[in-house]
PDB file of N, CA and C in Angstrom:
ATOM      1  N   MET A   1     -74.569 -71.076 159.550  1.00  0.00           N
ATOM      2  CA  MET A   1     -74.639 -72.305 159.050  1.00  0.00           C
ATOM      3  C   MET A   1     -73.187 -72.884 158.736  1.00  0.00           C
ATOM      4  N   LEU A   2     -73.103 -74.124 159.213  1.00  0.00           N
ATOM      5  CA  LEU A   2     -71.709 -74.666 158.820  1.00  0.00           C
ATOM      6  C   LEU A   2     -71.409 -74.957 157.327  1.00  0.00           C
ATOM      7  N   ARG A   3     -70.185 -74.787 156.959  1.00  0.00           N
ATOM      8  CA  ARG A   3     -69.883 -75.013 155.573  1.00  0.00           C
ATOM      9  C   ARG A   3     -69.576 -76.575 155.327  1.00  0.00           C
ATOM     10  N   HIS A   4     -69.189 -77.152 156.401  1.00  0.00           N
ATOM     11  CA  HIS A   4     -68.770 -78.681 156.322  1.00  0.00           C
ATOM     12  C   HIS A   4     -68.965 -79.217 157.637  1.00  0.00           C
ATOM     13  N   GLU A   5     -68.931 -80.523 157.654  1.00  0.00           N
ATOM     14  CA  GLU A   5     -69.217 -81.267 158.877  1.00  0.00           C
ATOM     15  C   GLU A   5     -67.975 -81.175 159.810  1.00  0.00           C
ATOM     16  N   PHE A   6     -68.147 -81.024 161.039  1.00  0.00           N
ATOM     17  CA  PHE A   6     -67.042 -80.896 161.986  1.00  0.00           C
ATOM     18  C   PHE A   6     -66.399 -82.333 162.143  1.00  0.00           C
ATOM     19  N   GLN A   7     -65.067 -82.455 162.053  1.00  0.00           N
ATOM     20  CA  GLN A   7     -64.380 -83.741 162.207  1.00  0.00           C
ATOM     21  C   GLN A   7     -63.412 -83.646 163.336  1.00  0.00           C
ATOM     22  N   PRO A   8     -63.688 -84.060 164.550  1.00  0.00           N
ATOM     23  CA  PRO A   8     -62.693 -84.004 165.573  1.00  0.00           C
ATOM     24  C   PRO A   8     -61.366 -84.677 165.465  1.00  0.00           C
ATOM     25  N   GLY A   9     -61.403 -85.898 164.721  1.00  0.00           N
ATOM     26  CA  GLY A   9     -60.266 -86.557 164.392  1.00  0.00           C
ATOM     27  C   GLY A   9     -59.147 -85.760 163.697  1.00  0.00           C
ATOM     28  N   ARG A  10     -59.590 -84.999 162.713  1.00  0.00           N
ATOM     29  CA  ARG A  10     -58.709 -84.112 161.967  1.00  0.00           C
ATOM     30  C   ARG A  10     -58.174 -83.045 162.829  1.00  0.00           C
ATOM     31  N   LEU A  11     -58.995 -82.550 163.747  1.00  0.00           N
ATOM     32  CA  LEU A  11     -58.539 -81.498 164.703  1.00  0.00           C
ATOM     33  C   LEU A  11     -57.418 -81.932 165.600  1.00  0.00           C
ATOM     34  N   VAL A  12     -57.667 -83.242 166.084  1.00  0.00           N
ATOM     35  CA  VAL A  12     -56.655 -83.850 166.956  1.00  0.00           C
ATOM     36  C   VAL A  12     -55.285 -84.004 166.152  1.00  0.00           C
ATOM     37  N   ALA A  13     -55.447 -84.617 165.062  1.00  0.00           N
ATOM     38  CA  ALA A  13     -54.172 -84.811 164.283  1.00  0.00           C
ATOM     39  C   ALA A  13     -53.569 -83.549 163.883  1.00  0.00           C
ATOM     40  N   GLY A  14     -54.191 -82.635 163.471  1.00  0.00           N
ATOM     41  CA  GLY A  14     -53.632 -81.191 163.254  1.00  0.00           C
ATOM     42  C   GLY A  14     -52.933 -80.616 164.395  1.00  0.00           C
ATOM     43  N   ALA A  15     -53.519 -80.736 165.534  1.00  0.00           N
ATOM     44  CA  ALA A  15     -53.016 -80.210 166.747  1.00  0.00           C
ATOM     45  C   ALA A  15     -51.508 -80.883 166.997  1.00  0.00           C
ATOM     46  N   PHE A  16     -51.547 -82.243 166.889  1.00  0.00           N
ATOM     47  CA  PHE A  16     -50.211 -82.931 167.139  1.00  0.00           C
ATOM     48  C   PHE A  16     -49.147 -82.670 166.073  1.00  0.00           C
ATOM     49  N   PHE A  17     -49.623 -82.513 164.745  1.00  0.00           N
ATOM     50  CA  PHE A  17     -48.663 -82.165 163.653  1.00  0.00           C
ATOM     51  C   PHE A  17     -48.249 -80.648 163.981  1.00  0.00           C
ATOM     52  N   THR A  18     -49.166 -79.870 164.513  1.00  0.00           N
ATOM     53  CA  THR A  18     -48.640 -78.433 164.669  1.00  0.00           C
ATOM     54  C   THR A  18     -47.645 -78.453 165.767  1.00  0.00           C
ATOM     55  N   LEU A  19     -47.832 -79.283 166.806  1.00  0.00           N
ATOM     56  CA  LEU A  19     -46.871 -79.313 167.936  1.00  0.00           C
ATOM     57  C   LEU A  19     -45.525 -79.806 167.452  1.00  0.00           C
ATOM     58  N   ALA A  20     -45.548 -80.825 166.603  1.00  0.00           N
ATOM     59  CA  ALA A  20     -44.292 -81.426 166.123  1.00  0.00           C
ATOM     60  C   ALA A  20     -43.616 -80.305 165.190  1.00  0.00           C
ATOM     61  N   GLY A  21     -44.347 -79.464 164.503  1.00  0.00           N
ATOM     62  CA  GLY A  21     -43.743 -78.454 163.714  1.00  0.00           C
ATOM     63  C   GLY A  21     -43.164 -77.289 164.555  1.00  0.00           C
ATOM     64  N   VAL A  22     -43.829 -77.072 165.708  1.00  0.00           N
ATOM     65  CA  VAL A  22     -43.163 -76.112 166.712  1.00  0.00           C
ATOM     66  C   VAL A  22     -42.039 -76.601 167.321  1.00  0.00           C
ATOM     67  N   ILE A  23     -41.870 -77.847 167.633  1.00  0.00           N
ATOM     68  CA  ILE A  23     -40.731 -78.447 168.159  1.00  0.00           C
ATOM     69  C   ILE A  23     -39.602 -78.393 167.260  1.00  0.00           C
ATOM     70  N   TYR A  24     -39.855 -78.803 165.942  1.00  0.00           N
ATOM     71  CA  TYR A  24     -38.732 -78.655 164.988  1.00  0.00           C
ATOM     72  C   TYR A  24     -38.305 -77.163 164.704  1.00  0.00           C
ATOM     73  N   ALA A  25     -39.324 -76.321 164.725  1.00  0.00           N
ATOM     74  CA  ALA A  25     -39.047 -74.920 164.523  1.00  0.00           C
ATOM     75  C   ALA A  25     -38.218 -74.293 165.675  1.00  0.00           C
ATOM     76  N   GLY A  26     -38.475 -74.707 166.883  1.00  0.00           N
ATOM     77  CA  GLY A  26     -37.600 -74.248 167.997  1.00  0.00           C
ATOM     78  C   GLY A  26     -36.233 -74.870 167.853  1.00  0.00           C
ATOM     79  N   ASP A  27     -36.047 -76.009 167.467  1.00  0.00           N
ATOM     80  CA  ASP A  27     -34.701 -76.569 167.200  1.00  0.00           C
ATOM     81  C   ASP A  27     -33.939 -75.876 166.218  1.00  0.00           C
ATOM     82  N   ALA A  28     -34.715 -75.588 165.143  1.00  0.00           N
ATOM     83  CA  ALA A  28     -34.005 -74.875 163.983  1.00  0.00           C
ATOM     84  C   ALA A  28     -33.730 -73.441 164.294  1.00  0.00           C
ATOM     85  N   GLY A  29     -34.488 -72.798 165.270  1.00  0.00           N
ATOM     86  CA  GLY A  29     -34.180 -71.416 165.463  1.00  0.00           C
ATOM     87  C   GLY A  29     -33.162 -71.357 166.575  1.00  0.00           C
ATOM     88  N   GLY A  30     -32.765 -72.502 167.174  1.00  0.00           N
ATOM     89  CA  GLY A  30     -31.670 -72.402 168.113  1.00  0.00           C
ATOM     90  C   GLY A  30     -32.290 -72.102 169.589  1.00  0.00           C
ATOM     91  N   LEU A  31     -33.557 -72.432 169.892  1.00  0.00           N
ATOM     92  CA  LEU A  31     -33.983 -72.084 171.165  1.00  0.00           C
ATOM     93  C   LEU A  31     -33.785 -73.304 172.021  1.00  0.00           C
ATOM     94  N   TRP A  32     -33.814 -74.502 171.519  1.00  0.00           N
ATOM     95  CA  TRP A  32     -33.491 -75.752 172.180  1.00  0.00           C
ATOM     96  C   TRP A  32     -33.052 -76.757 171.353  1.00  0.00           C
ATOM     97  N   GLU A  33     -32.517 -77.931 171.830  1.00  0.00           N
ATOM     98  CA  GLU A  33     -32.007 -79.052 171.036  1.00  0.00           C
ATOM     99  C   GLU A  33     -32.971 -80.069 171.152  1.00  0.00           C
ATOM    100  N   THR A  34     -33.280 -80.542 169.957  1.00  0.00           N
ATOM    101  CA  THR A  34     -34.328 -81.627 169.813  1.00  0.00           C
ATOM    102  C   THR A  34     -33.686 -82.954 169.191  1.00  0.00           C
ATOM    103  N   PRO A  35     -33.592 -84.033 169.718  1.00  0.00           N
ATOM    104  CA  PRO A  35     -33.071 -85.101 169.157  1.00  0.00           C
ATOM    105  C   PRO A  35     -33.977 -85.551 167.904  1.00  0.00           C
ATOM    106  N   TRP A  36     -33.426 -86.245 166.868  1.00  0.00           N
ATOM    107  CA  TRP A  36     -34.156 -86.417 165.608  1.00  0.00           C
ATOM    108  C   TRP A  36     -35.192 -87.416 165.950  1.00  0.00           C
ATOM    109  N   PHE A  37     -35.161 -88.285 166.802  1.00  0.00           N
ATOM    110  CA  PHE A  37     -36.191 -89.328 167.060  1.00  0.00           C
ATOM    111  C   PHE A  37     -37.201 -88.868 168.028  1.00  0.00           C
ATOM    112  N   ALA A  38     -37.088 -87.642 168.669  1.00  0.00           N
ATOM    113  CA  ALA A  38     -38.014 -87.305 169.605  1.00  0.00           C
ATOM    114  C   ALA A  38     -39.538 -86.976 169.095  1.00  0.00           C
ATOM    115  N   VAL A  39     -39.711 -86.706 167.922  1.00  0.00           N
ATOM    116  CA  VAL A  39     -40.959 -86.301 167.412  1.00  0.00           C
ATOM    117  C   VAL A  39     -41.736 -87.575 166.860  1.00  0.00           C
ATOM    118  N   ILE A  40     -41.049 -88.581 166.604  1.00  0.00           N
ATOM    119  CA  ILE A  40     -41.713 -89.790 166.075  1.00  0.00           C
ATOM    120  C   ILE A  40     -42.807 -90.385 167.090  1.00  0.00           C
ATOM    121  N   PRO A  41     -42.514 -90.545 168.345  1.00  0.00           N
ATOM    122  CA  PRO A  41     -43.523 -90.925 169.210  1.00  0.00           C
ATOM    123  C   PRO A  41     -44.705 -89.899 169.383  1.00  0.00           C
ATOM    124  N   LEU A  42     -44.410 -88.617 169.229  1.00  0.00           N
ATOM    125  CA  LEU A  42     -45.471 -87.603 169.306  1.00  0.00           C
ATOM    126  C   LEU A  42     -46.438 -87.788 168.194  1.00  0.00           C
ATOM    127  N   VAL A  43     -45.844 -88.033 166.919  1.00  0.00           N
ATOM    128  CA  VAL A  43     -46.752 -88.086 165.730  1.00  0.00           C
ATOM    129  C   VAL A  43     -47.499 -89.414 165.811  1.00  0.00           C
ATOM    130  N   VAL A  44     -46.841 -90.493 166.316  1.00  0.00           N
ATOM    131  CA  VAL A  44     -47.551 -91.726 166.357  1.00  0.00           C
ATOM    132  C   VAL A  44     -48.747 -91.706 167.319  1.00  0.00           C
ATOM    133  N   VAL A  45     -48.373 -91.120 168.506  1.00  0.00           N
ATOM    134  CA  VAL A  45     -49.587 -91.075 169.502  1.00  0.00           C
ATOM    135  C   VAL A  45     -50.588 -90.066 168.906  1.00  0.00           C
ATOM    136  N   GLY A  46     -50.230 -88.981 168.345  1.00  0.00           N
ATOM    137  CA  GLY A  46     -51.247 -88.172 167.782  1.00  0.00           C
ATOM    138  C   GLY A  46     -52.162 -88.743 166.768  1.00  0.00           C
ATOM    139  N   LEU A  47     -51.454 -89.630 165.913  1.00  0.00           N
ATOM    140  CA  LEU A  47     -52.342 -90.371 164.897  1.00  0.00           C
ATOM    141  C   LEU A  47     -53.244 -91.382 165.487  1.00  0.00           C
ATOM    142  N   CYS A  48     -52.759 -92.100 166.596  1.00  0.00           N
ATOM    143  CA  CYS A  48     -53.482 -93.011 167.218  1.00  0.00           C
ATOM    144  C   CYS A  48     -54.777 -92.292 167.942  1.00  0.00           C
ATOM    145  N   LEU A  49     -54.518 -91.302 168.585  1.00  0.00           N
ATOM    146  CA  LEU A  49     -55.628 -90.497 169.170  1.00  0.00           C
ATOM    147  C   LEU A  49     -56.537 -90.010 168.252  1.00  0.00           C
ATOM    148  N   ALA A  50     -56.107 -89.498 167.072  1.00  0.00           N
ATOM    149  CA  ALA A  50     -56.931 -88.895 166.100  1.00  0.00           C
ATOM    150  C   ALA A  50     -57.842 -90.061 165.492  1.00  0.00           C
ATOM    151  N   GLY A  51     -57.313 -91.250 165.335  1.00  0.00           N
ATOM    152  CA  GLY A  51     -58.064 -92.311 164.794  1.00  0.00           C
ATOM    153  C   GLY A  51     -59.086 -92.770 165.842  1.00  0.00           C
ATOM    154  N   ALA A  52     -58.762 -92.870 167.108  1.00  0.00           N
ATOM    155  CA  ALA A  52     -59.755 -93.233 168.143  1.00  0.00           C
ATOM    156  C   ALA A  52     -60.831 -92.104 168.293  1.00  0.00           C
ATOM    157  N   THR A  53     -60.429 -90.894 168.221  1.00  0.00           N
ATOM    158  CA  THR A  53     -61.472 -89.760 168.248  1.00  0.00           C
ATOM    159  C   THR A  53     -62.472 -89.805 167.030  1.00  0.00           C
ATOM    160  N   ALA A  54     -61.991 -90.223 165.874  1.00  0.00           N
ATOM    161  CA  ALA A  54     -62.754 -90.260 164.612  1.00  0.00           C
ATOM    162  C   ALA A  54     -63.658 -91.366 164.810  1.00  0.00           C
ATOM    163  N   VAL A  55     -63.145 -92.570 165.287  1.00  0.00           N
ATOM    164  CA  VAL A  55     -64.118 -93.789 165.386  1.00  0.00           C
ATOM    165  C   VAL A  55     -65.199 -93.400 166.354  1.00  0.00           C
ATOM    166  N   VAL A  56     -64.894 -92.868 167.674  1.00  0.00           N
ATOM    167  CA  VAL A  56     -65.865 -92.496 168.597  1.00  0.00           C
ATOM    168  C   VAL A  56     -66.999 -91.483 167.943  1.00  0.00           C
ATOM    169  N   ALA A  57     -66.475 -90.396 167.233  1.00  0.00           N
ATOM    170  CA  ALA A  57     -67.307 -89.345 166.646  1.00  0.00           C
ATOM    171  C   ALA A  57     -68.186 -90.055 165.602  1.00  0.00           C
ATOM    172  N   ARG A  58     -67.626 -90.918 164.798  1.00  0.00           N
ATOM    173  CA  ARG A  58     -68.536 -91.533 163.682  1.00  0.00           C
ATOM    174  C   ARG A  58     -69.496 -92.579 164.401  1.00  0.00           C
ATOM    175  N   SER A  59     -69.207 -93.152 165.430  1.00  0.00           N
ATOM    176  CA  SER A  59     -70.286 -94.114 166.083  1.00  0.00           C
ATOM    177  C   SER A  59     -71.143 -93.240 166.690  1.00  0.00           C
ATOM    178  N   LEU A  60     -70.937 -92.116 167.363  1.00  0.00           N
ATOM    179  CA  LEU A  60     -71.947 -91.217 167.879  1.00  0.00           C
ATOM    180  C   LEU A  60     -72.856 -90.600 166.813  1.00  0.00           C
ATOM    181  N   ARG A  61     -72.315 -90.296 165.756  1.00  0.00           N
ATOM    182  CA  ARG A  61     -73.200 -89.729 164.549  1.00  0.00           C
ATOM    183  C   ARG A  61     -74.110 -90.902 164.056  1.00  0.00           C
ATOM    184  N   ARG A  62     -73.412 -91.970 163.840  1.00  0.00           N
ATOM    185  CA  ARG A  62     -74.372 -93.043 163.363  1.00  0.00           C
ATOM    186  C   ARG A  62     -75.399 -93.474 164.337  1.00  0.00           C
ATOM    187  N   ARG A  63     -75.140 -93.481 165.537  1.00  0.00           N
ATOM    188  CA  ARG A  63     -76.161 -93.801 166.645  1.00  0.00           C
ATOM    189  C   ARG A  63     -77.255 -92.778 166.570  1.00  0.00           C
ATOM    190  N   ARG A  64     -76.852 -91.454 166.596  1.00  0.00           N
ATOM    191  CA  ARG A  64     -77.743 -90.320 166.676  1.00  0.00           C
ATOM    192  C   ARG A  64     -78.648 -90.312 165.392  1.00  0.00           C
ATOM    193  N   ARG A  65     -78.070 -90.754 164.167  1.00  0.00           N
ATOM    194  CA  ARG A  65     -78.810 -90.814 162.928  1.00  0.00           C
ATOM    195  C   ARG A  65     -79.811 -92.015 162.926  1.00  0.00           C
ATOM    196  N   THR A  66     -79.492 -93.093 163.495  1.00  0.00           N
ATOM    197  CA  THR A  66     -80.385 -94.250 163.496  1.00  0.00           C
ATOM    198  C   THR A  66     -81.528 -94.073 164.501  1.00  0.00           C
ATOM    199  N   GLY A  67     -81.274 -93.173 165.512  1.00  0.00           N
ATOM    200  CA  GLY A  67     -82.079 -93.040 166.691  1.00  0.00           C
ATOM    201  C   GLY A  67     -83.332 -92.099 166.228  1.00  0.00           C
ATOM    202  N   ARG A  68     -83.208 -91.444 165.143  1.00  0.00           N
ATOM    203  CA  ARG A  68     -84.254 -90.490 164.700  1.00  0.00           C
ATOM    204  C   ARG A  68     -85.533 -91.395 164.195  1.00  0.00           C
ATOM    205  N   ALA A  69     -86.685 -90.739 164.389  1.00  0.00           N
ATOM    206  CA  ALA A  69     -87.871 -91.326 163.867  1.00  0.00           C
ATOM    207  C   ALA A  69     -88.045 -91.191 162.394  1.00  0.00           C
ATOM    208  N   THR A  70     -88.721 -92.049 161.816  1.00  0.00           N
ATOM    209  CA  THR A  70     -88.901 -92.010 160.233  1.00  0.00           C
ATOM    210  C   THR A  70     -89.920 -90.959 160.066  1.00  0.00           C
ATOM    211  N   PRO A  71     -89.945 -90.206 158.938  1.00  0.00           N
ATOM    212  CA  PRO A  71     -90.817 -89.166 158.647  1.00  0.00           C
ATOM    213  C   PRO A  71     -92.253 -89.866 158.439  1.00  0.00           C
ATOM    214  N   ALA A  72     -93.302 -88.962 158.718  1.00  0.00           N
ATOM    215  CA  ALA A  72     -94.651 -89.559 158.491  1.00  0.00           C
ATOM    216  C   ALA A  72     -94.908 -89.968 157.146  1.00  0.00           C
ATOM    217  N   GLY A  73     -95.478 -91.152 157.039  1.00  0.00           N
ATOM    218  CA  GLY A  73     -95.919 -91.694 155.655  1.00  0.00           C
ATOM    219  C   GLY A  73     -94.820 -92.607 155.098  1.00  0.00           C
ATOM    220  N   ALA A  74     -93.650 -92.508 155.747  1.00  0.00           N
ATOM    221  CA  ALA A  74     -92.573 -93.415 155.240  1.00  0.00           C
ATOM    222  C   ALA A  74     -92.723 -94.825 155.860  1.00  0.00           C
ATOM    223  N   THR A  75     -92.575 -95.804 154.964  1.00  0.00           N
ATOM    224  CA  THR A  75     -92.836 -97.088 155.435  1.00  0.00           C
ATOM    225  C   THR A  75     -91.613 -97.887 155.599  1.00  0.00           C
ATOM    226  N   GLY A  76     -90.506 -97.391 155.119  1.00  0.00           N
ATOM    227  CA  GLY A  76     -89.159 -98.266 155.227  1.00  0.00           C
ATOM    228  C   GLY A  76     -88.297 -97.800 154.079  1.00  0.00           C
ATOM    229  N   PRO A  77     -87.223 -98.670 153.830  1.00  0.00           N
ATOM    230  CA  PRO A  77     -86.462 -98.433 152.607  1.00  0.00           C
ATOM    231  C   PRO A  77     -87.106 -98.630 151.349  1.00  0.00           C
ATOM    232  N   HIS A  78     -86.563 -98.129 150.326  1.00  0.00           N
ATOM    233  CA  HIS A  78     -87.020 -98.246 148.969  1.00  0.00           C
ATOM    234  C   HIS A  78     -87.049 -99.539 148.539  1.00  0.00           C
ATOM    235  N   PRO A  79     -87.966-100.216 147.736  1.00  0.00           N
ATOM    236  CA  PRO A  79     -87.935-101.564 147.240  1.00  0.00           C
ATOM    237  C   PRO A  79     -86.683-101.574 146.293  1.00  0.00           C
ATOM    238  N   GLY A  80     -85.917-102.553 146.425  1.00  0.00           N
ATOM    239  CA  GLY A  80     -84.823-102.836 145.690  1.00  0.00           C
ATOM    240  C   GLY A  80     -83.508-102.391 146.302  1.00  0.00           C
ATOM    241  N   GLY A  81     -83.617-101.888 147.575  1.00  0.00           N
ATOM    242  CA  GLY A  81     -82.331-101.673 148.436  1.00  0.00           C
ATOM    243  C   GLY A  81     -81.840-100.283 148.266  1.00  0.00           C
ATOM    244  N   ARG A  82     -82.373 -99.386 147.284  1.00  0.00           N
ATOM    245  CA  ARG A  82     -81.764 -98.086 147.101  1.00  0.00           C
ATOM    246  C   ARG A  82     -82.623 -97.160 147.910  1.00  0.00           C
ATOM    247  N   PRO A  83     -81.854 -96.147 148.435  1.00  0.00           N
ATOM    248  CA  PRO A  83     -82.631 -95.060 149.302  1.00  0.00           C
ATOM    249  C   PRO A  83     -83.388 -94.222 148.366  1.00  0.00           C
ATOM    250  N   MET A  84     -84.503 -93.677 148.902  1.00  0.00           N
ATOM    251  CA  MET A  84     -85.441 -92.813 148.176  1.00  0.00           C
ATOM    252  C   MET A  84     -84.909 -91.561 147.770  1.00  0.00           C
TER     253      MET A  84
END
């Protein structure tokens, strides 16, 4: 059983931030030279992809949730607008 809900947007953001950290660690370790501005586009693209992934995942979850049939005996939302 899962302890929490899987969030693919956070996975994508984490992967891009990890890549940015590896790039800076390689520069600090002397393996290669990285210009100071090289990681900025990487982080911006990663955040944009993470946001798009999160929006798609949320819309798929919402669509899957509303597509389910109501339980037997349920007639609709609770009077007053609050969920049961």
